Amino acid sequence: MLQTLLGHADIATTQIYTHVDAARLVALVNARHPLAGRTQGG
């Protein structure tokens, strides 16, 4: 379990570190991906 691996006594602490904001993740991928901004067929 990740909680044990990280040494957290409380699951709430683990949740803080593992929380991912889906909208932020999508924005980062769209901004950083090597193919971002390329048009199809080009």
PDB file of N, CA and C in Angstrom:
ATOM      1  N   MET A   1       0.848  -1.187   0.000  1.00  0.00           N
ATOM      2  CA  MET A   1       0.000   0.000   0.000  1.00  0.00           C
ATOM      3  C   MET A   1       0.888   1.242   0.000  1.00  0.00           C
ATOM      4  N   LEU A   2       0.488   2.222  -0.767  1.00  0.00           N
ATOM      5  CA  LEU A   2       1.270   3.457  -0.902  1.00  0.00           C
ATOM      6  C   LEU A   2       1.439   4.171   0.431  1.00  0.00           C
ATOM      7  N   GLN A   3       0.410   4.161   1.239  1.00  0.00           N
ATOM      8  CA  GLN A   3       0.472   4.808   2.552  1.00  0.00           C
ATOM      9  C   GLN A   3       1.614   4.232   3.379  1.00  0.00           C
ATOM     10  N   THR A   4       1.765   2.923   3.392  1.00  0.00           N
ATOM     11  CA  THR A   4       2.833   2.262   4.145  1.00  0.00           C
ATOM     12  C   THR A   4       4.188   2.572   3.531  1.00  0.00           C
ATOM     13  N   LEU A   5       4.266   2.525   2.208  1.00  0.00           N
ATOM     14  CA  LEU A   5       5.513   2.799   1.506  1.00  0.00           C
ATOM     15  C   LEU A   5       6.037   4.199   1.825  1.00  0.00           C
ATOM     16  N   LEU A   6       5.120   5.173   1.882  1.00  0.00           N
ATOM     17  CA  LEU A   6       5.524   6.550   2.178  1.00  0.00           C
ATOM     18  C   LEU A   6       5.710   6.809   3.668  1.00  0.00           C
ATOM     19  N   GLY A   7       5.281   5.865   4.487  1.00  0.00           N
ATOM     20  CA  GLY A   7       5.455   6.003   5.928  1.00  0.00           C
ATOM     21  C   GLY A   7       4.439   6.915   6.586  1.00  0.00           C
ATOM     22  N   HIS A   8       3.270   7.058   5.990  1.00  0.00           N
ATOM     23  CA  HIS A   8       2.233   7.915   6.549  1.00  0.00           C
ATOM     24  C   HIS A   8       1.337   7.130   7.500  1.00  0.00           C
ATOM     25  N   ALA A   9       1.152   7.672   8.694  1.00  0.00           N
ATOM     26  CA  ALA A   9       0.283   7.026   9.666  1.00  0.00           C
ATOM     27  C   ALA A   9      -1.186   7.238   9.317  1.00  0.00           C
ATOM     28  N   ASP A  10      -1.490   8.363   8.671  1.00  0.00           N
ATOM     29  CA  ASP A  10      -2.875   8.719   8.362  1.00  0.00           C
ATOM     30  C   ASP A  10      -3.064   8.747   6.846  1.00  0.00           C
ATOM     31  N   ILE A  11      -4.131   8.129   6.351  1.00  0.00           N
ATOM     32  CA  ILE A  11      -4.402   8.087   4.911  1.00  0.00           C
ATOM     33  C   ILE A  11      -4.621   9.496   4.360  1.00  0.00           C
ATOM     34  N   ALA A  12      -5.079  10.418   5.171  1.00  0.00           N
ATOM     35  CA  ALA A  12      -5.306  11.790   4.710  1.00  0.00           C
ATOM     36  C   ALA A  12      -4.001  12.438   4.247  1.00  0.00           C
ATOM     37  N   THR A  13      -2.898  12.122   4.893  1.00  0.00           N
ATOM     38  CA  THR A  13      -1.601  12.650   4.485  1.00  0.00           C
ATOM     39  C   THR A  13      -1.226  12.118   3.107  1.00  0.00           C
ATOM     40  N   THR A  14      -1.461  10.835   2.890  1.00  0.00           N
ATOM     41  CA  THR A  14      -1.162  10.230   1.599  1.00  0.00           C
ATOM     42  C   THR A  14      -2.021  10.858   0.505  1.00  0.00           C
ATOM     43  N   GLN A  15      -3.278  11.131   0.801  1.00  0.00           N
ATOM     44  CA  GLN A  15      -4.182  11.713  -0.179  1.00  0.00           C
ATOM     45  C   GLN A  15      -3.705  13.097  -0.620  1.00  0.00           C
ATOM     46  N   ILE A  16      -3.102  13.848   0.276  1.00  0.00           N
ATOM     47  CA  ILE A  16      -2.577  15.165  -0.076  1.00  0.00           C
ATOM     48  C   ILE A  16      -1.508  15.027  -1.149  1.00  0.00           C
ATOM     49  N   TYR A  17      -0.635  14.052  -0.994  1.00  0.00           N
ATOM     50  CA  TYR A  17       0.476  13.881  -1.917  1.00  0.00           C
ATOM     51  C   TYR A  17       0.072  13.215  -3.226  1.00  0.00           C
ATOM     52  N   THR A  18      -1.019  12.466  -3.217  1.00  0.00           N
ATOM     53  CA  THR A  18      -1.393  11.727  -4.415  1.00  0.00           C
ATOM     54  C   THR A  18      -2.553  12.364  -5.166  1.00  0.00           C
ATOM     55  N   HIS A  19      -3.071  13.478  -4.666  1.00  0.00           N
ATOM     56  CA  HIS A  19      -4.188  14.146  -5.325  1.00  0.00           C
ATOM     57  C   HIS A  19      -3.712  14.761  -6.640  1.00  0.00           C
ATOM     58  N   VAL A  20      -4.434  14.483  -7.702  1.00  0.00           N
ATOM     59  CA  VAL A  20      -4.105  15.052  -9.002  1.00  0.00           C
ATOM     60  C   VAL A  20      -5.329  15.798  -9.516  1.00  0.00           C
ATOM     61  N   ASP A  21      -5.137  17.045  -9.852  1.00  0.00           N
ATOM     62  CA  ASP A  21      -6.210  17.835 -10.422  1.00  0.00           C
ATOM     63  C   ASP A  21      -6.290  17.493 -11.906  1.00  0.00           C
ATOM     64  N   ALA A  22      -7.358  16.822 -12.316  1.00  0.00           N
ATOM     65  CA  ALA A  22      -7.484  16.321 -13.687  1.00  0.00           C
ATOM     66  C   ALA A  22      -7.407  17.451 -14.703  1.00  0.00           C
ATOM     67  N   ALA A  23      -8.044  18.569 -14.448  1.00  0.00           N
ATOM     68  CA  ALA A  23      -8.019  19.683 -15.398  1.00  0.00           C
ATOM     69  C   ALA A  23      -6.601  20.223 -15.559  1.00  0.00           C
ATOM     70  N   ARG A  24      -5.858  20.308 -14.474  1.00  0.00           N
ATOM     71  CA  ARG A  24      -4.473  20.789 -14.538  1.00  0.00           C
ATOM     72  C   ARG A  24      -3.602  19.797 -15.309  1.00  0.00           C
ATOM     73  N   LEU A  25      -3.828  18.520 -15.084  1.00  0.00           N
ATOM     74  CA  LEU A  25      -3.066  17.495 -15.784  1.00  0.00           C
ATOM     75  C   LEU A  25      -3.310  17.570 -17.292  1.00  0.00           C
ATOM     76  N   VAL A  26      -4.558  17.720 -17.700  1.00  0.00           N
ATOM     77  CA  VAL A  26      -4.881  17.835 -19.120  1.00  0.00           C
ATOM     78  C   VAL A  26      -4.214  19.071 -19.712  1.00  0.00           C
ATOM     79  N   ALA A  27      -4.267  20.186 -19.003  1.00  0.00           N
ATOM     80  CA  ALA A  27      -3.647  21.415 -19.497  1.00  0.00           C
ATOM     81  C   ALA A  27      -2.139  21.249 -19.653  1.00  0.00           C
ATOM     82  N   LEU A  28      -1.495  20.583 -18.703  1.00  0.00           N
ATOM     83  CA  LEU A  28      -0.055  20.360 -18.790  1.00  0.00           C
ATOM     84  C   LEU A  28       0.310  19.468 -19.973  1.00  0.00           C
ATOM     85  N   VAL A  29      -0.453  18.408 -20.156  1.00  0.00           N
ATOM     86  CA  VAL A  29      -0.181  17.511 -21.282  1.00  0.00           C
ATOM     87  C   VAL A  29      -0.373  18.260 -22.597  1.00  0.00           C
ATOM     88  N   ASN A  30      -1.455  19.011 -22.706  1.00  0.00           N
ATOM     89  CA  ASN A  30      -1.718  19.754 -23.939  1.00  0.00           C
ATOM     90  C   ASN A  30      -0.639  20.799 -24.216  1.00  0.00           C
ATOM     91  N   ALA A  31      -0.084  21.373 -23.193  1.00  0.00           N
ATOM     92  CA  ALA A  31       0.940  22.412 -23.370  1.00  0.00           C
ATOM     93  C   ALA A  31       2.324  21.824 -23.643  1.00  0.00           C
ATOM     94  N   ARG A  32       2.633  20.667 -23.085  1.00  0.00           N
ATOM     95  CA  ARG A  32       3.994  20.126 -23.132  1.00  0.00           C
ATOM     96  C   ARG A  32       4.215  18.971 -24.099  1.00  0.00           C
ATOM     97  N   HIS A  33       3.151  18.339 -24.541  1.00  0.00           N
ATOM     98  CA  HIS A  33       3.301  17.158 -25.389  1.00  0.00           C
ATOM     99  C   HIS A  33       3.977  17.545 -26.705  1.00  0.00           C
ATOM    100  N   PRO A  34       4.908  16.726 -27.183  1.00  0.00           N
ATOM    101  CA  PRO A  34       5.643  17.049 -28.414  1.00  0.00           C
ATOM    102  C   PRO A  34       4.747  17.279 -29.631  1.00  0.00           C
ATOM    103  N   LEU A  35       3.590  16.660 -29.650  1.00  0.00           N
ATOM    104  CA  LEU A  35       2.691  16.819 -30.794  1.00  0.00           C
ATOM    105  C   LEU A  35       1.618  17.892 -30.568  1.00  0.00           C
ATOM    106  N   ALA A  36       1.664  18.556 -29.425  1.00  0.00           N
ATOM    107  CA  ALA A  36       0.661  19.575 -29.121  1.00  0.00           C
ATOM    108  C   ALA A  36       0.751  20.711 -30.137  1.00  0.00           C
ATOM    109  N   GLY A  37      -0.391  21.127 -30.615  1.00  0.00           N
ATOM    110  CA  GLY A  37      -0.436  22.253 -31.530  1.00  0.00           C
ATOM    111  C   GLY A  37      -0.217  21.920 -32.985  1.00  0.00           C
ATOM    112  N   ARG A  38       0.096  20.668 -33.283  1.00  0.00           N
ATOM    113  CA  ARG A  38       0.292  20.265 -34.683  1.00  0.00           C
ATOM    114  C   ARG A  38      -1.056  20.015 -35.321  1.00  0.00           C
ATOM    115  N   THR A  39      -1.177  20.337 -36.564  1.00  0.00           N
ATOM    116  CA  THR A  39      -2.420  20.098 -37.290  1.00  0.00           C
ATOM    117  C   THR A  39      -2.377  18.740 -37.941  1.00  0.00           C
ATOM    118  N   GLN A  40      -3.525  18.147 -38.162  1.00  0.00           N
ATOM    119  CA  GLN A  40      -3.589  16.838 -38.794  1.00  0.00           C
ATOM    120  C   GLN A  40      -3.226  16.959 -40.266  1.00  0.00           C
ATOM    121  N   GLY A  41      -2.539  15.968 -40.747  1.00  0.00           N
ATOM    122  CA  GLY A  41      -2.184  15.933 -42.151  1.00  0.00           C
ATOM    123  C   GLY A  41      -0.994  16.799 -42.523  1.00  0.00           C
ATOM    124  N   GLY A  42      -0.393  17.422 -41.508  1.00  0.00           N
ATOM    125  CA  GLY A  42       0.674  18.351 -41.815  1.00  0.00           C
ATOM    126  C   GLY A  42       1.980  17.844 -41.446  1.00  0.00           C
TER     127      GLY A  42
END
